[in-house]
């Protein structure tokens, strides 16, 4: 007998985050395990997460990278998961677990969460940016999630850095992914973002310089997006967004770039970190599930 609880799972390129929650999105704890990008190992990881709770849940809500047909549950492209293409993940998981499954793109889930109960709930036009292995993105336009004509809206990772040489590797995903923050600092000095920020707070000048450079990259991307969407607010998510100093640096860089480099036609949007932090994509996946099952109205 289902106890009105749901498993909300966010499959990322570095980690799989998941939480057991009710329809109000109460969060007691968000768990995670390291991602294995092999297709078979990924499904084994989902088994490890889902089977211990299978008798206690009403359904499974998935946040997944890439281009997704959310109505049919087909993953057409899957970001870092190169082996997954045109795969009916919804059908596979429903047949295996005998529970309803709904799947949506990770960036769109982040936007849904913040629009539902987070820091985009007070705007008609807003943007979610998730700073992860790559850049997740979701867009709220006129009070609704914007999916685009082909389901690819918010794929900010693909934005070009150099228009004179578009066939280069320095797209927004490469420059704005959190690994680039470490690479700016020097990989031999720290192995991950936790160690980086520890050095930052201990006054390491190189780490402070690297954070400014990284924040300027994110701010530049925001200007490109803002010049098209004219949004009221951008919410920054991903694990490193928990650092208030990162949000402050992005705000400062954005203000400087708009003042100095951009035309007066671009209005400076508000910048906030996500209300749900690292759980945004899980919460948005739950919201998508509840809408698709007609448990709540979207």
Protein backbone atom coordinates (compact mmCIF):
# COMPACT_ATOMS: atom_id res chain seq x y z
CA UNK A 1 0.00 0.00 0.00
CA UNK A 2 1.44 3.34 -1.09
CA UNK A 3 1.96 5.87 1.71
CA UNK A 4 1.77 9.00 -0.47
CA UNK A 5 5.53 9.18 -0.69
CA UNK A 6 7.64 9.53 -3.80
CA UNK A 7 11.24 9.03 -4.84
CA UNK A 8 12.64 12.06 -6.61
CA UNK A 9 15.95 11.37 -8.36
CA UNK A 10 18.31 13.78 -10.12
CA UNK A 11 20.78 12.00 -12.39
CA UNK A 12 23.83 14.23 -12.91
CA UNK A 13 27.15 13.78 -14.62
CA UNK A 14 29.05 13.67 -11.31
CA UNK A 15 26.48 12.46 -8.75
CA UNK A 16 22.99 11.01 -8.53
CA UNK A 17 21.01 12.88 -5.87
CA UNK A 18 17.76 11.53 -4.48
CA UNK A 19 15.21 12.11 -1.77
CA UNK A 20 12.15 10.40 -0.35
CA UNK A 21 9.39 12.95 0.08
CA UNK A 22 5.66 13.61 0.09
CA UNK A 23 3.63 15.75 -2.31
CA UNK A 24 4.45 18.92 -0.34
CA UNK A 25 8.17 18.46 -1.09
CA UNK A 26 9.24 18.27 2.55
CA UNK A 27 12.96 17.56 2.58
CA UNK A 28 14.52 15.80 5.54
CA UNK A 29 17.69 14.70 3.81
CA UNK A 30 19.07 14.61 0.29
CA UNK A 31 21.25 11.59 -0.44
CA UNK A 32 23.71 11.04 -3.24
CA UNK A 33 25.97 8.49 -4.84
CA UNK A 34 28.71 8.84 -7.41
CA UNK A 35 27.58 8.62 -11.02
CA UNK A 36 28.83 5.88 -13.29
CA UNK A 37 28.25 6.99 -16.88
CA UNK A 38 28.14 3.45 -18.25
CA UNK A 39 24.55 2.71 -19.30
CA UNK A 40 24.28 -0.64 -17.50
CA UNK A 41 25.93 0.69 -14.35
CA UNK A 42 23.59 3.69 -14.33
CA UNK A 43 20.54 1.42 -14.27
CA UNK A 44 22.20 -0.67 -11.55
CA UNK A 45 22.59 2.51 -9.50
CA UNK A 46 18.90 3.28 -9.93
CA UNK A 47 18.14 -0.24 -8.67
CA UNK A 48 20.19 0.48 -5.53
CA UNK A 49 18.20 3.65 -4.91
CA UNK A 50 14.71 2.46 -5.78
CA UNK A 51 14.36 -1.16 -4.63
CA UNK A 52 14.77 -0.46 -0.87
CA UNK A 53 11.77 1.91 -1.06
CA UNK A 54 9.68 0.15 -3.68
CA UNK A 55 6.86 -0.87 -1.28
CA UNK A 56 6.64 2.57 0.31
CA UNK A 57 6.30 4.83 -2.71
CA UNK A 58 3.55 5.88 -5.12
CA UNK A 59 5.87 6.76 -7.95
CA UNK A 60 9.28 7.77 -9.26
CA UNK A 61 10.15 11.27 -10.42
CA UNK A 62 13.27 11.64 -12.53
CA UNK A 63 15.43 14.61 -13.46
CA UNK A 64 17.76 13.74 -16.32
CA UNK A 65 20.21 15.64 -18.55
CA UNK A 66 19.74 16.20 -22.25
CA UNK A 67 16.90 16.49 -24.73
CA UNK A 68 13.83 14.70 -23.41
CA UNK A 69 10.32 14.04 -24.68
CA UNK A 70 8.63 14.43 -21.30
CA UNK A 71 5.18 13.34 -22.54
CA UNK A 72 6.44 9.95 -23.77
CA UNK A 73 9.40 9.61 -21.40
CA UNK A 74 11.98 9.24 -24.16
CA UNK A 75 15.55 10.44 -23.60
CA UNK A 76 16.81 11.51 -27.04
CA UNK A 77 20.19 12.80 -25.89
CA UNK A 78 21.55 12.55 -22.37
CA UNK A 79 24.37 15.04 -21.91
CA UNK A 80 27.29 13.26 -20.27
CA UNK A 81 25.66 9.84 -20.84
CA UNK A 82 26.78 9.29 -24.42
CA UNK A 83 25.48 5.69 -24.57
CA UNK A 84 21.89 6.79 -24.02
CA UNK A 85 20.13 7.94 -27.16
CA UNK A 86 16.45 7.72 -28.12
CA UNK A 87 15.78 5.46 -25.12
CA UNK A 88 12.31 5.08 -23.60
CA UNK A 89 13.47 5.38 -20.00
CA UNK A 90 9.92 5.80 -18.70
CA UNK A 91 8.73 2.51 -20.21
CA UNK A 92 11.84 0.62 -19.08
CA UNK A 93 11.53 1.77 -15.47
CA UNK A 94 7.75 1.33 -15.25
CA UNK A 95 8.05 -2.23 -16.51
CA UNK A 96 10.80 -2.97 -14.00
CA UNK A 97 9.40 -1.30 -10.87
CA UNK A 98 5.63 -1.41 -11.58
CA UNK A 99 5.27 2.20 -10.47
CA UNK A 100 4.39 5.30 -12.48
CA UNK A 101 7.48 7.14 -13.71
CA UNK A 102 7.78 10.63 -15.17
CA UNK A 103 10.99 12.14 -16.45
CA UNK A 104 11.99 15.69 -17.30
CA UNK A 105 15.18 17.53 -18.26
CA UNK A 106 17.30 18.56 -15.25
CA UNK A 107 17.40 22.27 -16.03
CA UNK A 108 13.65 22.37 -16.56
CA UNK A 109 13.21 20.55 -13.24
CA UNK A 110 15.32 23.19 -11.53
CA UNK A 111 13.15 25.94 -13.00
CA UNK A 112 9.94 24.10 -12.03
CA UNK A 113 11.07 23.71 -8.41
CA UNK A 114 11.96 27.36 -7.99
CA UNK A 115 8.76 28.47 -9.74
CA UNK A 116 6.61 26.11 -7.63
CA UNK A 117 7.88 26.93 -4.16
CA UNK A 118 11.21 28.68 -4.51
CA UNK A 119 12.86 31.91 -5.56
CA UNK A 120 11.15 32.18 -8.96
CA UNK A 121 7.65 31.96 -7.47
CA UNK A 122 7.34 35.77 -7.44
CA UNK A 123 8.13 36.41 -11.13
CA UNK A 124 6.47 35.82 -14.50
CA UNK A 125 9.76 35.53 -16.38
CA UNK A 126 12.74 33.85 -14.76
CA UNK A 127 15.69 31.58 -15.48
CA UNK A 128 17.31 28.69 -13.62
CA UNK A 129 21.00 28.02 -14.17
CA UNK A 130 22.50 24.88 -12.63
CA UNK A 131 26.27 24.91 -12.27
CA UNK A 132 27.25 21.27 -12.46
CA UNK A 133 29.47 19.12 -14.64
CA UNK A 134 27.86 21.09 -17.47
CA UNK A 135 25.31 23.93 -17.39
CA UNK A 136 21.68 22.97 -16.78
CA UNK A 137 19.07 25.56 -17.70
CA UNK A 138 15.36 26.13 -17.43
CA UNK A 139 13.15 29.03 -18.49
CA UNK A 140 9.89 30.33 -17.06
CA UNK A 141 8.07 32.59 -19.54
CA UNK A 142 4.78 34.29 -18.79
CA UNK A 143 4.31 32.09 -15.74
CA UNK A 144 4.87 28.76 -17.51
CA UNK A 145 7.76 26.42 -18.19
CA UNK A 146 9.04 27.06 -21.70
CA UNK A 147 10.04 23.82 -23.44
CA UNK A 148 10.58 25.23 -26.94
CA UNK A 149 9.49 23.80 -30.27
CA UNK A 150 11.75 20.74 -30.01
CA UNK A 151 12.21 20.38 -26.24
CA UNK A 152 15.68 21.94 -26.24
CA UNK A 153 15.04 25.25 -24.50
CA UNK A 154 17.48 26.05 -21.71
CA UNK A 155 20.35 24.06 -23.19
CA UNK A 156 22.77 26.79 -22.19
CA UNK A 157 25.71 24.38 -22.33
CA UNK A 158 25.64 24.71 -26.12
CA UNK A 159 26.08 28.48 -26.17
CA UNK A 160 29.07 29.55 -28.25
CA UNK A 161 31.95 31.46 -26.73
CA UNK A 162 33.64 32.60 -29.93
CA UNK A 163 31.51 33.61 -32.92
CA UNK A 164 34.56 33.97 -35.17
CA UNK A 165 35.45 30.32 -34.51
CA UNK A 166 32.25 28.52 -33.52
CA UNK A 167 33.78 25.08 -34.01
CA UNK A 168 35.78 25.21 -30.79
CA UNK A 169 35.55 23.39 -27.48
CA UNK A 170 35.11 26.48 -25.34
CA UNK A 171 31.34 26.45 -25.16
CA UNK A 172 29.50 27.59 -22.04
CA UNK A 173 29.44 24.01 -20.72
CA UNK A 174 33.22 23.81 -20.73
CA UNK A 175 33.82 27.29 -19.33
CA UNK A 176 30.96 27.38 -16.82
CA UNK A 177 31.06 23.82 -15.49
CA UNK A 178 32.32 23.68 -11.92
CA UNK A 179 35.43 21.75 -12.98
CA UNK A 180 36.63 24.85 -14.80
CA UNK A 181 36.71 26.67 -11.47
CA UNK A 182 39.28 24.16 -10.24
CA UNK A 183 41.21 24.29 -13.52
CA UNK A 184 41.46 28.07 -13.27
CA UNK A 185 42.99 27.63 -9.84
CA UNK A 186 45.25 24.67 -10.77
CA UNK A 187 44.29 21.05 -10.38
CA UNK A 188 47.47 20.20 -8.48
CA UNK A 189 46.43 22.53 -5.64
CA UNK A 190 42.97 21.09 -4.92
CA UNK A 191 40.95 18.14 -6.11
CA UNK A 192 37.37 19.41 -5.80
CA UNK A 193 35.22 22.46 -5.08
CA UNK A 194 35.05 21.72 -1.33
CA UNK A 195 38.81 21.95 -1.05
CA UNK A 196 38.82 25.00 -3.32
CA UNK A 197 36.44 26.98 -1.11
CA UNK A 198 38.33 25.93 2.01
CA UNK A 199 41.43 27.52 0.50
CA UNK A 200 39.38 30.52 -0.62
CA UNK A 201 38.09 31.19 2.89
CA UNK A 202 41.60 30.76 4.28
CA UNK A 203 42.66 33.75 2.20
CA UNK A 204 44.41 32.01 -0.70
CA UNK A 205 44.92 34.80 -3.28
CA UNK A 206 45.03 32.43 -6.26
CA UNK A 207 41.71 30.88 -5.25
CA UNK A 208 40.14 34.32 -4.84
CA UNK A 209 41.39 35.37 -8.28
CA UNK A 210 40.06 32.14 -9.81
CA UNK A 211 36.61 32.67 -8.32
CA UNK A 212 36.44 36.17 -9.80
CA UNK A 213 37.43 34.84 -13.23
CA UNK A 214 34.86 32.04 -13.03
CA UNK A 215 32.11 34.38 -11.82
CA UNK A 216 32.80 36.70 -14.75
CA UNK A 217 32.28 33.76 -17.15
CA UNK A 218 28.89 32.98 -15.56
CA UNK A 219 27.93 36.66 -15.63
CA UNK A 220 28.85 36.85 -19.32
CA UNK A 221 26.60 33.89 -20.04
CA UNK A 222 23.78 35.55 -18.11
CA UNK A 223 24.14 38.67 -20.26
CA UNK A 224 23.81 36.56 -23.43
CA UNK A 225 20.66 34.89 -22.08
CA UNK A 226 19.23 38.15 -20.75
CA UNK A 227 19.69 39.88 -24.10
CA UNK A 228 17.24 37.33 -25.57
CA UNK A 229 14.80 36.66 -22.70
CA UNK A 230 14.69 39.94 -20.73
CA UNK A 231 13.94 38.01 -17.53
CA UNK A 232 13.29 39.48 -14.10
CA UNK A 233 15.44 37.05 -12.14
CA UNK A 234 18.06 34.32 -12.50
CA UNK A 235 18.31 31.57 -9.86
CA UNK A 236 21.70 29.88 -9.55
CA UNK A 237 21.74 26.22 -8.53
CA UNK A 238 24.17 23.34 -8.30
CA UNK A 239 26.35 22.28 -5.39
CA UNK A 240 28.71 25.27 -5.50
CA UNK A 241 25.79 27.73 -5.43
CA UNK A 242 25.56 27.11 -1.67
CA UNK A 243 28.54 29.46 -1.38
CA UNK A 244 27.13 32.95 -0.84
CA UNK A 245 30.38 34.47 -2.02
CA UNK A 246 29.89 32.92 -5.47
CA UNK A 247 26.48 34.56 -5.80
CA UNK A 248 27.95 37.88 -4.65
CA UNK A 249 30.78 37.63 -7.18
CA UNK A 250 28.36 36.83 -10.01
CA UNK A 251 26.22 39.84 -9.08
CA UNK A 252 29.26 42.11 -8.99
CA UNK A 253 30.62 40.83 -12.31
CA UNK A 254 27.21 41.11 -13.97
CA UNK A 255 26.82 44.71 -12.81
CA UNK A 256 30.29 45.62 -14.06
CA UNK A 257 29.75 44.01 -17.46
CA UNK A 258 26.37 45.64 -18.01
CA UNK A 259 27.70 49.03 -16.92
CA UNK A 260 30.84 48.90 -19.03
CA UNK A 261 30.31 46.52 -21.94
CA UNK A 262 26.62 46.32 -22.68
CA UNK A 263 24.09 48.74 -24.10
CA UNK A 264 21.48 50.46 -21.99
CA UNK A 265 18.86 48.24 -23.69
CA UNK A 266 19.72 45.31 -21.39
CA UNK A 267 18.10 45.51 -17.96
CA UNK A 268 20.14 44.01 -15.13
CA UNK A 269 18.19 41.08 -13.66
CA UNK A 270 18.12 40.00 -10.04
CA UNK A 271 20.51 37.18 -9.14
CA UNK A 272 19.64 34.78 -6.32
CA UNK A 273 20.70 31.32 -5.33
CA UNK A 274 18.08 28.60 -5.48
CA UNK A 275 15.78 28.22 -2.50
CA UNK A 276 16.11 24.44 -2.73
CA UNK A 277 19.86 24.51 -3.32
CA UNK A 278 21.26 21.18 -4.41
CA UNK A 279 17.78 19.62 -4.19
CA UNK A 280 16.15 21.87 -6.81
CA UNK A 281 16.17 19.31 -9.62
CA UNK A 282 14.73 16.61 -7.33
CA UNK A 283 11.93 18.92 -6.17
CA UNK A 284 11.19 19.98 -9.74
CA UNK A 285 11.06 16.35 -10.84
CA UNK A 286 8.47 15.75 -8.11
CA UNK A 287 6.42 18.76 -9.25
CA UNK A 288 6.52 17.50 -12.83
CA UNK A 289 5.39 14.05 -11.63
CA UNK A 290 2.46 15.49 -9.68
CA UNK A 291 1.36 17.54 -12.69
CA UNK A 292 1.67 14.66 -15.16
CA UNK A 293 -0.30 12.35 -12.82
CA UNK A 294 -2.90 15.13 -12.41
CA UNK A 295 -2.44 15.06 -8.65
CA UNK A 296 -2.01 18.83 -8.74
CA UNK A 297 -2.64 21.44 -11.44
CA UNK A 298 0.37 22.99 -13.13
